[in-house]
Amino acid sequence: MPITQPPLSSLIHAALRAEILAGEYPPGSALPSERALSERLGTNRHAVREALKRLQQAGLVQISQGGATRVRDWRRTGGLELLVELAASGEAPPGIELPRATLEMRASVGADAARLCARRAGAAIRAELVARAAALTEAEDLDERNEIYERLWDVIVDTSENVAYRLALNTLLAGQRVLRFDAALVADELAATDLIRALVAAIADRDEDTAERRARNLLNRSIPKES
C-alpha cells in the first residue's frame, strides 16, 4: 500500500511552526515575504500562503494585507488546538511539560464541574451517579472500571451545564492526541474507590464545596509529582 505524503502546505506549516516555537522568529518580528519563503523552501507561493493562513488560525502569526506577516506570542494568542499540535509533533519548547499541564487542567476543570454538578443535578442524575460509583467499586477488571469511571465523569461534566468545560475536555481527549487516558494513566484514581464514592455522595447531598474538594483530591492523584 503506497505511503501518502502530507500536502506541501502542511510540510511548510510544520517547518515554520517549529522555527517560531524555537524562537528563531521572536514575537513581534516579521517573517520573510511569501516570495522569499517560496524561494528558500523551493516551493510555490500558493503553498506558502496556505501554510501562513494555518499559522494565523493557530495564533502564531498575524497576516497584514500588503504588509509584513508578524509573529505573535503564542502563549498569549494560541488555543487548545495548538496544544494538541505541539503534543502530536513533539515540538513543545523546552520547559513546557504538556502531560503535566494537561492533567492539571483536567483536575481544575473536573473539580469545578463537580461543584456545579452538585448544584444542578436532579434526583435522577444523583441516583445515576451513586449507581455508577457502586458498579465501579464492584468491577474487578481495570479496563471495565475505567470505562465506568469515564462515563461517570461524562455525566458530571454534562450536568455542570458548562459548555466551555465540555468542549475543552473534548479537545484534550479526542483521539487521545495529547495523552492516552487509559486505565494505566489514571490507575491511582481508579484505586481510590472510597474517594470516588465520597465524591458522588457530596454531589448527591448538594454539598458543592465538598464535591469540589473531593474531585480535586481524586484527579490530582494522576498528576506527576514535581521534583
Foldseek 3Di string as FASTA:
>chain_A
DDDDDDDPLVVLLVVVVLCAQQPVADFFRFDDDLVVSCVVVVHDSVSVVSSLVVCVVQQQWDDDVVDTIGGHDSVVGGDLVVLLVCQQVVSHDPPDDSVLVVLVVVLQLLLQLLLLLLQQPDPVLLVVLLVLLVVLVVDDDLQVSVVSVVVSSVSSNVRSVDVVSVVSVCSCPPVCRRHPPGSVLLVQLSVPSVLSNVLSVCSSVSPSVSNSVSSSVSSCSNRDDDD
